[in-house]
Amino acid sequence: MIERELPLVTWHGGKVSHTERQTLLRQSPMTIWLTGLSASGKSTLAFALERELMNRARACYVLDGDNVRHGLNRDLGFLAADRAENIRRIAEVARLMNDAGLIVIAAFISPYRSDRAVARNIIGAEYVREVYVNTPLAVCEARDPKGLYRKARASKIADFTGVSSPYEPPEQPDLTIDTAQYSVEDTVARLLAVMHMERNLMCREPMPLN
């Protein structure tokens, strides 16, 4: 991993190498970064992928947009500056998890290309697989599991992505998925293919929709 120099701060190298951790876990660490509108299906896909990876005895963990705001990022709001800091912190956590040899599945709206570029730089481009969950806005609004679109349309939520705040789609994602067109099982298969772990998926029982 890249060591960054900061004033009065020294990076302490340990006695366990990155390669040793990969060998111990028998896997290549990476971060699957799922980006897309609210209710596009990011969390459902993230946890379904985590379940399948665990079925394959892979060490992995989901960093979910809502979950991290209960603790690590509970002090942040949803203005552009707060969103940028939210993504920066998550990228730093993903970087450490990848350094530990883990597979990270990050599910965040992450609406701005500049923030996603910062995340990629922090984690390391060679570790990141960017997945654009390109579910149409109309479908996301129809789902609206938390009633957020309804509140945003009624001007009860400011700066809501897709309604009163922009979403900037990835220009060259590693994979684009429309969850209105594919089942969870099919989508997980596509995610595994991006990870080069597609073999033996179909011999397992189908996963239920969340």
N, C-alpha and C. Protein backbone atom coordinates (compact mmCIF):
# COMPACT_ATOMS: atom_id res chain seq x y z
N MET A 1 0.84 -1.19 0.00
CA MET A 1 0.00 0.00 0.00
C MET A 1 0.88 1.25 0.00
N ILE A 2 0.36 2.36 -0.50
CA ILE A 2 1.11 3.61 -0.58
C ILE A 2 1.17 4.27 0.79
N GLU A 3 2.35 4.66 1.23
CA GLU A 3 2.51 5.38 2.47
C GLU A 3 2.53 6.86 2.20
N ARG A 4 1.68 7.62 2.93
CA ARG A 4 1.59 9.05 2.72
C ARG A 4 2.25 9.79 3.87
N GLU A 5 3.02 10.83 3.55
CA GLU A 5 3.75 11.56 4.56
C GLU A 5 2.88 12.69 5.13
N LEU A 6 2.83 12.79 6.46
CA LEU A 6 2.11 13.85 7.15
C LEU A 6 3.02 14.43 8.22
N PRO A 7 2.92 15.74 8.47
CA PRO A 7 3.76 16.36 9.50
C PRO A 7 3.53 15.72 10.86
N LEU A 8 4.60 15.42 11.59
CA LEU A 8 4.55 14.89 12.95
C LEU A 8 3.91 13.51 13.06
N VAL A 9 3.69 12.87 11.94
CA VAL A 9 3.07 11.54 11.94
C VAL A 9 3.98 10.58 11.20
N THR A 10 4.23 9.44 11.82
CA THR A 10 5.09 8.43 11.21
C THR A 10 4.31 7.16 10.97
N TRP A 11 4.46 6.58 9.78
CA TRP A 11 3.82 5.31 9.48
C TRP A 11 4.67 4.20 10.08
N HIS A 12 4.08 3.41 11.00
CA HIS A 12 4.80 2.32 11.64
C HIS A 12 4.54 1.03 10.88
N GLY A 13 5.56 0.52 10.25
CA GLY A 13 5.43 -0.73 9.53
C GLY A 13 5.45 -1.91 10.48
N GLY A 14 4.60 -2.89 10.22
CA GLY A 14 4.54 -4.07 11.07
C GLY A 14 5.47 -5.17 10.57
N LYS A 15 5.33 -6.33 11.16
CA LYS A 15 6.18 -7.47 10.80
C LYS A 15 5.42 -8.47 9.93
N VAL A 16 4.19 -8.12 9.56
CA VAL A 16 3.38 -8.97 8.69
C VAL A 16 3.18 -8.24 7.37
N SER A 17 3.52 -8.87 6.27
CA SER A 17 3.42 -8.23 4.97
C SER A 17 2.02 -8.36 4.39
N HIS A 18 1.73 -7.49 3.44
CA HIS A 18 0.45 -7.52 2.73
C HIS A 18 0.29 -8.87 2.02
N THR A 19 1.38 -9.36 1.44
CA THR A 19 1.34 -10.65 0.74
C THR A 19 1.05 -11.80 1.70
N GLU A 20 1.59 -11.75 2.90
CA GLU A 20 1.33 -12.79 3.89
C GLU A 20 -0.15 -12.84 4.24
N ARG A 21 -0.78 -11.68 4.36
CA ARG A 21 -2.21 -11.64 4.70
C ARG A 21 -3.04 -12.25 3.57
N GLN A 22 -2.68 -11.92 2.33
CA GLN A 22 -3.39 -12.49 1.18
C GLN A 22 -3.23 -14.02 1.16
N THR A 23 -2.02 -14.48 1.44
CA THR A 23 -1.77 -15.92 1.43
C THR A 23 -2.56 -16.62 2.53
N LEU A 24 -2.60 -16.01 3.71
CA LEU A 24 -3.34 -16.58 4.83
C LEU A 24 -4.82 -16.73 4.49
N LEU A 25 -5.41 -15.66 3.88
CA LEU A 25 -6.84 -15.66 3.58
C LEU A 25 -7.16 -16.33 2.24
N ARG A 26 -6.12 -16.60 1.44
CA ARG A 26 -6.29 -17.24 0.14
C ARG A 26 -7.23 -16.44 -0.77
N GLN A 27 -7.03 -15.15 -0.82
CA GLN A 27 -7.85 -14.30 -1.68
C GLN A 27 -7.10 -13.02 -2.00
N SER A 28 -7.55 -12.36 -3.06
CA SER A 28 -7.00 -11.06 -3.45
C SER A 28 -7.93 -9.97 -2.93
N PRO A 29 -7.45 -9.08 -2.07
CA PRO A 29 -8.31 -8.03 -1.55
C PRO A 29 -8.72 -7.05 -2.63
N MET A 30 -9.92 -6.54 -2.52
CA MET A 30 -10.41 -5.53 -3.45
C MET A 30 -11.58 -4.82 -2.82
N THR A 31 -11.97 -3.70 -3.42
CA THR A 31 -13.15 -2.96 -2.99
C THR A 31 -14.13 -2.88 -4.15
N ILE A 32 -15.31 -3.45 -3.96
CA ILE A 32 -16.38 -3.34 -4.93
C ILE A 32 -17.20 -2.11 -4.53
N TRP A 33 -17.12 -1.05 -5.34
CA TRP A 33 -17.78 0.21 -4.98
C TRP A 33 -19.08 0.33 -5.77
N LEU A 34 -20.22 0.18 -5.07
CA LEU A 34 -21.55 0.29 -5.69
C LEU A 34 -22.05 1.71 -5.54
N THR A 35 -22.30 2.37 -6.66
CA THR A 35 -22.80 3.74 -6.66
C THR A 35 -24.08 3.83 -7.46
N GLY A 36 -25.00 4.67 -7.00
CA GLY A 36 -26.28 4.83 -7.70
C GLY A 36 -27.26 5.57 -6.81
N LEU A 37 -28.44 5.85 -7.35
CA LEU A 37 -29.46 6.59 -6.64
C LEU A 37 -29.97 5.85 -5.41
N SER A 38 -30.57 6.58 -4.50
CA SER A 38 -31.25 5.98 -3.37
C SER A 38 -32.32 5.03 -3.88
N ALA A 39 -32.44 3.84 -3.29
CA ALA A 39 -33.42 2.81 -3.66
C ALA A 39 -33.11 2.15 -5.00
N SER A 40 -31.90 2.33 -5.49
CA SER A 40 -31.52 1.66 -6.75
C SER A 40 -31.22 0.18 -6.54
N GLY A 41 -30.98 -0.22 -5.30
CA GLY A 41 -30.71 -1.62 -5.00
C GLY A 41 -29.30 -1.90 -4.52
N LYS A 42 -28.55 -0.87 -4.20
CA LYS A 42 -27.14 -1.04 -3.82
C LYS A 42 -26.97 -1.92 -2.58
N SER A 43 -27.73 -1.62 -1.52
CA SER A 43 -27.59 -2.38 -0.28
C SER A 43 -28.03 -3.82 -0.45
N THR A 44 -29.13 -4.03 -1.15
CA THR A 44 -29.60 -5.39 -1.40
C THR A 44 -28.54 -6.20 -2.12
N LEU A 45 -27.93 -5.60 -3.14
CA LEU A 45 -26.88 -6.31 -3.88
C LEU A 45 -25.64 -6.52 -3.03
N ALA A 46 -25.28 -5.51 -2.24
CA ALA A 46 -24.09 -5.61 -1.41
C ALA A 46 -24.19 -6.78 -0.43
N PHE A 47 -25.33 -6.89 0.24
CA PHE A 47 -25.48 -7.95 1.24
C PHE A 47 -25.68 -9.32 0.59
N ALA A 48 -26.28 -9.34 -0.59
CA ALA A 48 -26.40 -10.62 -1.32
C ALA A 48 -25.03 -11.10 -1.78
N LEU A 49 -24.20 -10.17 -2.25
CA LEU A 49 -22.84 -10.53 -2.66
C LEU A 49 -22.03 -10.99 -1.46
N GLU A 50 -22.17 -10.29 -0.34
CA GLU A 50 -21.46 -10.70 0.87
C GLU A 50 -21.85 -12.12 1.27
N ARG A 51 -23.15 -12.44 1.20
CA ARG A 51 -23.61 -13.78 1.56
C ARG A 51 -22.98 -14.84 0.64
N GLU A 52 -22.94 -14.56 -0.66
CA GLU A 52 -22.37 -15.52 -1.61
C GLU A 52 -20.87 -15.68 -1.39
N LEU A 53 -20.19 -14.59 -1.12
CA LEU A 53 -18.75 -14.67 -0.86
C LEU A 53 -18.47 -15.47 0.42
N MET A 54 -19.29 -15.27 1.44
CA MET A 54 -19.13 -16.04 2.66
C MET A 54 -19.40 -17.52 2.42
N ASN A 55 -20.38 -17.81 1.54
CA ASN A 55 -20.62 -19.20 1.17
C ASN A 55 -19.39 -19.84 0.55
N ARG A 56 -18.56 -19.02 -0.07
CA ARG A 56 -17.34 -19.48 -0.72
C ARG A 56 -16.12 -19.37 0.20
N ALA A 57 -16.39 -19.10 1.49
CA ALA A 57 -15.32 -18.99 2.49
C ALA A 57 -14.38 -17.83 2.20
N ARG A 58 -14.95 -16.70 1.71
CA ARG A 58 -14.16 -15.49 1.46
C ARG A 58 -14.37 -14.52 2.61
N ALA A 59 -13.30 -13.90 3.08
CA ALA A 59 -13.37 -12.91 4.15
C ALA A 59 -13.76 -11.57 3.56
N CYS A 60 -14.94 -11.08 3.92
CA CYS A 60 -15.45 -9.87 3.29
C CYS A 60 -16.30 -9.08 4.28
N TYR A 61 -16.60 -7.83 3.92
CA TYR A 61 -17.44 -7.00 4.80
C TYR A 61 -18.09 -5.91 3.97
N VAL A 62 -19.37 -5.60 4.31
CA VAL A 62 -20.11 -4.54 3.64
C VAL A 62 -19.99 -3.24 4.43
N LEU A 63 -19.61 -2.18 3.75
CA LEU A 63 -19.70 -0.82 4.27
C LEU A 63 -20.91 -0.19 3.61
N ASP A 64 -21.97 -0.01 4.38
CA ASP A 64 -23.25 0.47 3.85
C ASP A 64 -23.47 1.93 4.23
N GLY A 65 -24.02 2.69 3.29
CA GLY A 65 -24.20 4.12 3.49
C GLY A 65 -24.97 4.49 4.75
N ASP A 66 -26.09 3.82 5.01
CA ASP A 66 -26.87 4.11 6.21
C ASP A 66 -26.15 3.63 7.47
N ASN A 67 -25.58 2.44 7.41
CA ASN A 67 -24.96 1.86 8.60
C ASN A 67 -23.82 2.70 9.15
N VAL A 68 -22.97 3.23 8.27
CA VAL A 68 -21.81 3.98 8.77
C VAL A 68 -22.22 5.31 9.39
N ARG A 69 -23.41 5.80 9.02
CA ARG A 69 -23.88 7.06 9.60
C ARG A 69 -24.48 6.86 11.00
N HIS A 70 -24.57 5.62 11.45
CA HIS A 70 -24.96 5.37 12.83
C HIS A 70 -23.79 5.52 13.79
N GLY A 71 -22.57 5.49 13.27
CA GLY A 71 -21.40 5.55 14.14
C GLY A 71 -20.30 6.42 13.58
N LEU A 72 -19.47 5.85 12.73
CA LEU A 72 -18.29 6.54 12.20
C LEU A 72 -18.62 7.93 11.64
N ASN A 73 -19.70 8.04 10.88
CA ASN A 73 -20.02 9.30 10.19
C ASN A 73 -21.31 9.94 10.71
N ARG A 74 -21.64 9.68 11.96
CA ARG A 74 -22.87 10.22 12.52
C ARG A 74 -22.84 11.74 12.64
N ASP A 75 -21.66 12.34 12.60
CA ASP A 75 -21.52 13.78 12.74
C ASP A 75 -21.66 14.52 11.41
N LEU A 76 -21.89 13.79 10.32
CA LEU A 76 -21.94 14.42 8.99
C LEU A 76 -23.37 14.57 8.49
N GLY A 77 -23.61 15.65 7.75
CA GLY A 77 -24.90 15.88 7.11
C GLY A 77 -24.86 15.44 5.66
N PHE A 78 -25.65 16.14 4.82
CA PHE A 78 -25.75 15.73 3.43
C PHE A 78 -25.43 16.85 2.44
N LEU A 79 -24.83 17.93 2.94
CA LEU A 79 -24.34 18.95 2.02
C LEU A 79 -23.11 18.41 1.28
N ALA A 80 -22.73 19.09 0.21
CA ALA A 80 -21.64 18.59 -0.64
C ALA A 80 -20.36 18.34 0.15
N ALA A 81 -20.02 19.26 1.06
CA ALA A 81 -18.79 19.09 1.84
C ALA A 81 -18.88 17.88 2.77
N ASP A 82 -20.06 17.68 3.36
CA ASP A 82 -20.25 16.52 4.23
C ASP A 82 -20.22 15.22 3.44
N ARG A 83 -20.81 15.23 2.26
CA ARG A 83 -20.78 14.04 1.41
C ARG A 83 -19.34 13.69 1.04
N ALA A 84 -18.55 14.71 0.73
CA ALA A 84 -17.15 14.48 0.36
C ALA A 84 -16.39 13.86 1.53
N GLU A 85 -16.61 14.37 2.73
CA GLU A 85 -15.93 13.83 3.90
C GLU A 85 -16.42 12.42 4.21
N ASN A 86 -17.70 12.17 4.01
CA ASN A 86 -18.27 10.85 4.20
C ASN A 86 -17.55 9.82 3.32
N ILE A 87 -17.37 10.15 2.06
CA ILE A 87 -16.72 9.23 1.13
C ILE A 87 -15.23 9.11 1.44
N ARG A 88 -14.60 10.20 1.84
CA ARG A 88 -13.17 10.14 2.18
C ARG A 88 -12.93 9.18 3.35
N ARG A 89 -13.75 9.30 4.38
CA ARG A 89 -13.58 8.42 5.55
C ARG A 89 -13.80 6.95 5.17
N ILE A 90 -14.84 6.71 4.38
CA ILE A 90 -15.13 5.34 3.97
C ILE A 90 -13.97 4.77 3.15
N ALA A 91 -13.43 5.59 2.27
CA ALA A 91 -12.30 5.13 1.46
C ALA A 91 -11.11 4.77 2.34
N GLU A 92 -10.86 5.56 3.38
CA GLU A 92 -9.76 5.25 4.29
C GLU A 92 -10.00 3.92 5.01
N VAL A 93 -11.25 3.68 5.42
CA VAL A 93 -11.58 2.41 6.07
C VAL A 93 -11.40 1.25 5.09
N ALA A 94 -11.89 1.43 3.87
CA ALA A 94 -11.75 0.39 2.85
C ALA A 94 -10.29 0.09 2.57
N ARG A 95 -9.48 1.13 2.53
CA ARG A 95 -8.04 0.96 2.30
C ARG A 95 -7.42 0.08 3.38
N LEU A 96 -7.75 0.36 4.65
CA LEU A 96 -7.21 -0.43 5.74
C LEU A 96 -7.70 -1.88 5.68
N MET A 97 -8.98 -2.05 5.35
CA MET A 97 -9.53 -3.41 5.24
C MET A 97 -8.86 -4.18 4.10
N ASN A 98 -8.63 -3.51 2.98
CA ASN A 98 -7.94 -4.16 1.88
C ASN A 98 -6.51 -4.52 2.28
N ASP A 99 -5.87 -3.64 3.04
CA ASP A 99 -4.51 -3.91 3.49
C ASP A 99 -4.48 -5.13 4.41
N ALA A 100 -5.60 -5.34 5.13
CA ALA A 100 -5.71 -6.51 6.00
C ALA A 100 -6.04 -7.78 5.22
N GLY A 101 -6.28 -7.62 3.91
CA GLY A 101 -6.56 -8.77 3.06
C GLY A 101 -8.02 -9.03 2.80
N LEU A 102 -8.90 -8.15 3.28
CA LEU A 102 -10.33 -8.36 3.15
C LEU A 102 -10.88 -7.87 1.81
N ILE A 103 -12.00 -8.45 1.41
CA ILE A 103 -12.79 -7.94 0.29
C ILE A 103 -13.82 -7.00 0.87
N VAL A 104 -13.88 -5.78 0.37
CA VAL A 104 -14.82 -4.76 0.85
C VAL A 104 -15.89 -4.51 -0.20
N ILE A 105 -17.13 -4.46 0.25
CA ILE A 105 -18.25 -4.10 -0.63
C ILE A 105 -18.82 -2.79 -0.10
N ALA A 106 -18.60 -1.71 -0.81
CA ALA A 106 -19.03 -0.38 -0.39
C ALA A 106 -20.28 0.03 -1.16
N ALA A 107 -21.37 0.31 -0.43
CA ALA A 107 -22.64 0.68 -1.06
C ALA A 107 -23.00 2.10 -0.65
N PHE A 108 -22.71 3.05 -1.54
CA PHE A 108 -22.93 4.46 -1.25
C PHE A 108 -23.47 5.18 -2.49
N ILE A 109 -24.39 6.11 -2.27
CA ILE A 109 -24.87 6.91 -3.40
C ILE A 109 -23.68 7.55 -4.09
N SER A 110 -22.79 8.14 -3.30
CA SER A 110 -21.56 8.78 -3.81
C SER A 110 -21.82 9.47 -5.15
N PRO A 111 -22.61 10.56 -5.14
CA PRO A 111 -23.12 11.13 -6.38
C PRO A 111 -22.11 11.89 -7.23
N TYR A 112 -20.99 12.29 -6.65
CA TYR A 112 -20.06 13.15 -7.39
C TYR A 112 -18.83 12.39 -7.89
N ARG A 113 -18.51 12.58 -9.15
CA ARG A 113 -17.35 11.91 -9.73
C ARG A 113 -16.06 12.27 -8.99
N SER A 114 -15.95 13.54 -8.57
CA SER A 114 -14.73 13.97 -7.89
C SER A 114 -14.54 13.21 -6.59
N ASP A 115 -15.62 12.97 -5.85
CA ASP A 115 -15.51 12.23 -4.59
C ASP A 115 -15.12 10.77 -4.85
N ARG A 116 -15.71 10.19 -5.89
CA ARG A 116 -15.37 8.80 -6.21
C ARG A 116 -13.92 8.70 -6.68
N ALA A 117 -13.43 9.73 -7.36
CA ALA A 117 -12.03 9.74 -7.79
C ALA A 117 -11.10 9.81 -6.58
N VAL A 118 -11.49 10.61 -5.59
CA VAL A 118 -10.70 10.69 -4.36
C VAL A 118 -10.66 9.33 -3.68
N ALA A 119 -11.81 8.66 -3.62
CA ALA A 119 -11.88 7.34 -3.00
C ALA A 119 -10.98 6.35 -3.72
N ARG A 120 -11.03 6.37 -5.04
CA ARG A 120 -10.19 5.47 -5.83
C ARG A 120 -8.71 5.72 -5.57
N ASN A 121 -8.34 6.99 -5.44
CA ASN A 121 -6.94 7.34 -5.19
C ASN A 121 -6.50 6.88 -3.81
N ILE A 122 -7.38 7.03 -2.81
CA ILE A 122 -7.05 6.63 -1.45
C ILE A 122 -6.88 5.11 -1.36
N ILE A 123 -7.85 4.39 -1.91
CA ILE A 123 -7.84 2.93 -1.82
C ILE A 123 -6.74 2.34 -2.69
N GLY A 124 -6.54 2.95 -3.85
CA GLY A 124 -5.61 2.42 -4.84
C GLY A 124 -6.40 1.88 -6.02
N ALA A 125 -6.20 2.47 -7.19
CA ALA A 125 -7.01 2.12 -8.36
C ALA A 125 -6.99 0.63 -8.66
N GLU A 126 -5.86 -0.04 -8.37
CA GLU A 126 -5.75 -1.46 -8.69
C GLU A 126 -6.66 -2.32 -7.83
N TYR A 127 -7.15 -1.77 -6.72
CA TYR A 127 -8.01 -2.54 -5.83
C TYR A 127 -9.50 -2.27 -6.05
N VAL A 128 -9.84 -1.23 -6.78
CA VAL A 128 -11.24 -0.78 -6.89
C VAL A 128 -11.91 -1.31 -8.14
N ARG A 129 -13.14 -1.82 -7.96
CA ARG A 129 -14.02 -2.17 -9.07
C ARG A 129 -15.27 -1.31 -8.91
N GLU A 130 -15.46 -0.36 -9.80
CA GLU A 130 -16.60 0.56 -9.70
C GLU A 130 -17.81 -0.02 -10.42
N VAL A 131 -18.93 -0.12 -9.70
CA VAL A 131 -20.15 -0.68 -10.25
C VAL A 131 -21.24 0.38 -10.19
N TYR A 132 -21.78 0.71 -11.34
CA TYR A 132 -22.84 1.72 -11.44
C TYR A 132 -24.19 1.01 -11.41
N VAL A 133 -24.93 1.20 -10.34
CA VAL A 133 -26.27 0.61 -10.23
C VAL A 133 -27.23 1.60 -10.88
N ASN A 134 -27.42 1.40 -12.17
CA ASN A 134 -28.11 2.37 -13.03
C ASN A 134 -29.61 2.05 -13.14
N THR A 135 -30.27 2.00 -12.00
CA THR A 135 -31.71 1.79 -11.97
C THR A 135 -32.40 3.12 -12.25
N PRO A 136 -33.38 3.17 -13.17
CA PRO A 136 -34.02 4.43 -13.52
C PRO A 136 -34.63 5.14 -12.31
N LEU A 137 -34.59 6.46 -12.35
CA LEU A 137 -35.15 7.28 -11.26
C LEU A 137 -36.60 6.91 -10.99
N ALA A 138 -37.39 6.70 -12.03
CA ALA A 138 -38.82 6.38 -11.85
C ALA A 138 -38.99 5.09 -11.05
N VAL A 139 -38.13 4.12 -11.29
CA VAL A 139 -38.20 2.86 -10.56
C VAL A 139 -37.81 3.08 -9.10
N CYS A 140 -36.75 3.85 -8.87
CA CYS A 140 -36.32 4.15 -7.51
C CYS A 140 -37.41 4.88 -6.73
N GLU A 141 -38.06 5.83 -7.39
CA GLU A 141 -39.15 6.56 -6.72
C GLU A 141 -40.33 5.65 -6.43
N ALA A 142 -40.62 4.73 -7.33
CA ALA A 142 -41.74 3.81 -7.11
C ALA A 142 -41.45 2.89 -5.92
N ARG A 143 -40.19 2.51 -5.74
CA ARG A 143 -39.82 1.67 -4.60
C ARG A 143 -39.89 2.48 -3.31
N ASP A 144 -39.11 3.54 -3.25
CA ASP A 144 -39.09 4.50 -2.14
C ASP A 144 -39.34 3.86 -0.77
N PRO A 145 -38.53 2.88 -0.34
CA PRO A 145 -38.81 2.13 0.88
C PRO A 145 -38.83 2.98 2.15
N LYS A 146 -38.09 4.09 2.15
CA LYS A 146 -38.05 4.94 3.34
C LYS A 146 -38.85 6.22 3.18
N GLY A 147 -39.57 6.35 2.05
CA GLY A 147 -40.38 7.54 1.83
C GLY A 147 -39.60 8.80 1.58
N LEU A 148 -38.33 8.66 1.20
CA LEU A 148 -37.47 9.83 1.04
C LEU A 148 -37.80 10.63 -0.22
N TYR A 149 -38.11 9.94 -1.32
CA TYR A 149 -38.45 10.66 -2.55
C TYR A 149 -39.72 11.47 -2.35
N ARG A 150 -40.69 10.87 -1.66
CA ARG A 150 -41.95 11.57 -1.40
C ARG A 150 -41.70 12.85 -0.60
N LYS A 151 -40.84 12.75 0.40
CA LYS A 151 -40.51 13.93 1.20
C LYS A 151 -39.73 14.96 0.39
N ALA A 152 -38.82 14.46 -0.46
CA ALA A 152 -38.03 15.38 -1.29
C ALA A 152 -38.92 16.12 -2.28
N ARG A 153 -39.88 15.43 -2.89
CA ARG A 153 -40.79 16.06 -3.83
C ARG A 153 -41.68 17.09 -3.13
N ALA A 154 -41.90 16.88 -1.84
CA ALA A 154 -42.72 17.81 -1.06
C ALA A 154 -41.86 18.90 -0.42
N SER A 155 -40.59 18.97 -0.82
CA SER A 155 -39.63 19.97 -0.32
C SER A 155 -39.39 19.86 1.18
N LYS A 156 -39.54 18.64 1.71
CA LYS A 156 -39.28 18.41 3.13
C LYS A 156 -37.84 17.95 3.35
N ILE A 157 -37.16 17.57 2.28
CA ILE A 157 -35.74 17.20 2.33
C ILE A 157 -35.01 18.03 1.27
N ALA A 158 -34.00 18.76 1.71
CA ALA A 158 -33.21 19.56 0.77
C ALA A 158 -32.03 18.75 0.25
N ASP A 159 -31.56 19.13 -0.93
CA ASP A 159 -30.35 18.52 -1.51
C ASP A 159 -30.46 17.01 -1.58
N PHE A 160 -31.58 16.52 -2.11
CA PHE A 160 -31.77 15.07 -2.24
C PHE A 160 -31.36 14.63 -3.64
N THR A 161 -30.44 13.69 -3.71
CA THR A 161 -29.87 13.25 -4.98
C THR A 161 -30.95 12.71 -5.92
N GLY A 162 -30.94 13.22 -7.14
CA GLY A 162 -31.89 12.78 -8.16
C GLY A 162 -33.11 13.66 -8.23
N VAL A 163 -33.34 14.46 -7.19
CA VAL A 163 -34.51 15.36 -7.16
C VAL A 163 -34.06 16.82 -7.12
N SER A 164 -33.38 17.19 -6.04
CA SER A 164 -32.92 18.57 -5.90
C SER A 164 -31.40 18.69 -5.86
N SER A 165 -30.72 17.58 -6.05
CA SER A 165 -29.26 17.56 -6.09
C SER A 165 -28.84 16.59 -7.19
N PRO A 166 -27.78 16.90 -7.93
CA PRO A 166 -27.41 16.08 -9.09
C PRO A 166 -26.75 14.76 -8.73
N TYR A 167 -26.86 13.82 -9.66
CA TYR A 167 -26.08 12.59 -9.60
C TYR A 167 -25.24 12.53 -10.87
N GLU A 168 -23.94 12.35 -10.70
CA GLU A 168 -23.02 12.30 -11.83
C GLU A 168 -22.63 10.85 -12.10
N PRO A 169 -23.17 10.24 -13.15
CA PRO A 169 -22.89 8.82 -13.43
C PRO A 169 -21.41 8.58 -13.72
N PRO A 170 -20.91 7.41 -13.36
CA PRO A 170 -19.53 7.05 -13.72
C PRO A 170 -19.36 7.07 -15.23
N GLU A 171 -18.21 7.53 -15.68
CA GLU A 171 -17.95 7.59 -17.12
C GLU A 171 -17.43 6.27 -17.66
N GLN A 172 -16.68 5.54 -16.86
CA GLN A 172 -16.14 4.25 -17.31
C GLN A 172 -16.21 3.23 -16.17
N PRO A 173 -17.41 2.86 -15.75
CA PRO A 173 -17.52 1.87 -14.66
C PRO A 173 -17.06 0.49 -15.13
N ASP A 174 -16.67 -0.33 -14.18
CA ASP A 174 -16.30 -1.70 -14.51
C ASP A 174 -17.53 -2.54 -14.84
N LEU A 175 -18.67 -2.11 -14.33
CA LEU A 175 -19.92 -2.83 -14.58
C LEU A 175 -21.08 -1.86 -14.38
N THR A 176 -22.10 -1.96 -15.26
CA THR A 176 -23.33 -1.20 -15.11
C THR A 176 -24.48 -2.17 -14.95
N ILE A 177 -25.33 -1.93 -13.95
CA ILE A 177 -26.42 -2.83 -13.63
C ILE A 177 -27.72 -2.04 -13.49
N ASP A 178 -28.80 -2.54 -14.09
CA ASP A 178 -30.13 -2.00 -13.87
C ASP A 178 -30.91 -3.06 -13.11
N THR A 179 -31.17 -2.82 -11.83
CA THR A 179 -31.82 -3.84 -11.01
C THR A 179 -33.29 -4.03 -11.37
N ALA A 180 -33.82 -3.16 -12.22
CA ALA A 180 -35.19 -3.36 -12.72
C ALA A 180 -35.21 -4.41 -13.83
N GLN A 181 -34.04 -4.74 -14.36
CA GLN A 181 -33.95 -5.67 -15.48
C GLN A 181 -33.41 -7.04 -15.08
N TYR A 182 -32.67 -7.11 -13.97
CA TYR A 182 -32.03 -8.37 -13.59
C TYR A 182 -32.39 -8.74 -12.16
N SER A 183 -32.47 -10.03 -11.88
CA SER A 183 -32.73 -10.52 -10.53
C SER A 183 -31.49 -10.34 -9.68
N VAL A 184 -31.66 -10.50 -8.38
CA VAL A 184 -30.52 -10.44 -7.48
C VAL A 184 -29.51 -11.52 -7.84
N GLU A 185 -30.00 -12.73 -8.13
CA GLU A 185 -29.10 -13.83 -8.47
C GLU A 185 -28.27 -13.52 -9.71
N ASP A 186 -28.94 -13.01 -10.76
CA ASP A 186 -28.24 -12.67 -11.99
C ASP A 186 -27.21 -11.57 -11.76
N THR A 187 -27.60 -10.59 -10.95
CA THR A 187 -26.71 -9.47 -10.69
C THR A 187 -25.49 -9.90 -9.89
N VAL A 188 -25.69 -10.76 -8.89
CA VAL A 188 -24.56 -11.28 -8.12
C VAL A 188 -23.61 -12.03 -9.04
N ALA A 189 -24.15 -12.79 -9.98
CA ALA A 189 -23.31 -13.50 -10.94
C ALA A 189 -22.46 -12.52 -11.74
N ARG A 190 -23.05 -11.40 -12.12
CA ARG A 190 -22.31 -10.38 -12.88
C ARG A 190 -21.22 -9.74 -12.01
N LEU A 191 -21.55 -9.51 -10.75
CA LEU A 191 -20.56 -8.95 -9.84
C LEU A 191 -19.39 -9.91 -9.64
N LEU A 192 -19.69 -11.18 -9.49
CA LEU A 192 -18.63 -12.18 -9.34
C LEU A 192 -17.75 -12.25 -10.59
N ALA A 193 -18.36 -12.06 -11.75
CA ALA A 193 -17.59 -12.08 -12.99
C ALA A 193 -16.59 -10.92 -13.01
N VAL A 194 -17.03 -9.75 -12.53
CA VAL A 194 -16.13 -8.60 -12.46
C VAL A 194 -14.97 -8.88 -11.50
N MET A 195 -15.27 -9.70 -10.48
CA MET A 195 -14.25 -10.06 -9.50
C MET A 195 -13.44 -11.29 -9.95
N HIS A 196 -13.79 -11.84 -11.11
CA HIS A 196 -13.16 -13.06 -11.63
C HIS A 196 -13.38 -14.24 -10.67
N MET A 197 -14.61 -14.30 -10.11
CA MET A 197 -14.97 -15.39 -9.20
C MET A 197 -16.30 -16.00 -9.63
N GLU A 198 -16.56 -16.02 -10.94
CA GLU A 198 -17.88 -16.39 -11.42
C GLU A 198 -18.17 -17.89 -11.38
N ARG A 199 -17.16 -18.73 -11.27
CA ARG A 199 -17.38 -20.17 -11.34
C ARG A 199 -18.15 -20.70 -10.14
N ASN A 200 -18.97 -21.70 -10.40
CA ASN A 200 -19.69 -22.45 -9.37
C ASN A 200 -20.83 -21.68 -8.70
N LEU A 201 -21.17 -20.50 -9.18
CA LEU A 201 -22.29 -19.78 -8.58
C LEU A 201 -23.60 -20.53 -8.77
N MET A 202 -23.83 -21.02 -9.98
CA MET A 202 -25.14 -21.55 -10.30
C MET A 202 -25.43 -22.90 -9.65
N CYS A 203 -24.44 -23.51 -8.98
CA CYS A 203 -24.70 -24.78 -8.31
C CYS A 203 -25.30 -24.56 -6.93
N ARG A 204 -25.48 -23.31 -6.52
CA ARG A 204 -26.03 -23.02 -5.20
C ARG A 204 -27.52 -22.68 -5.32
N GLU A 205 -28.21 -22.73 -4.19
CA GLU A 205 -29.63 -22.38 -4.18
C GLU A 205 -29.79 -20.88 -4.44
N PRO A 206 -30.85 -20.49 -5.18
CA PRO A 206 -31.08 -19.07 -5.44
C PRO A 206 -31.26 -18.29 -4.13
N MET A 207 -30.82 -17.06 -4.12
CA MET A 207 -30.98 -16.21 -2.95
C MET A 207 -32.29 -15.46 -3.02
N PRO A 208 -33.01 -15.33 -1.90
CA PRO A 208 -34.29 -14.61 -1.91
C PRO A 208 -34.08 -13.12 -2.08
N LEU A 209 -35.05 -12.46 -2.66
CA LEU A 209 -35.01 -11.00 -2.77
C LEU A 209 -35.23 -10.39 -1.39
N ASN A 210 -34.49 -9.32 -1.08
CA ASN A 210 -34.66 -8.64 0.21
C ASN A 210 -35.71 -7.55 0.07
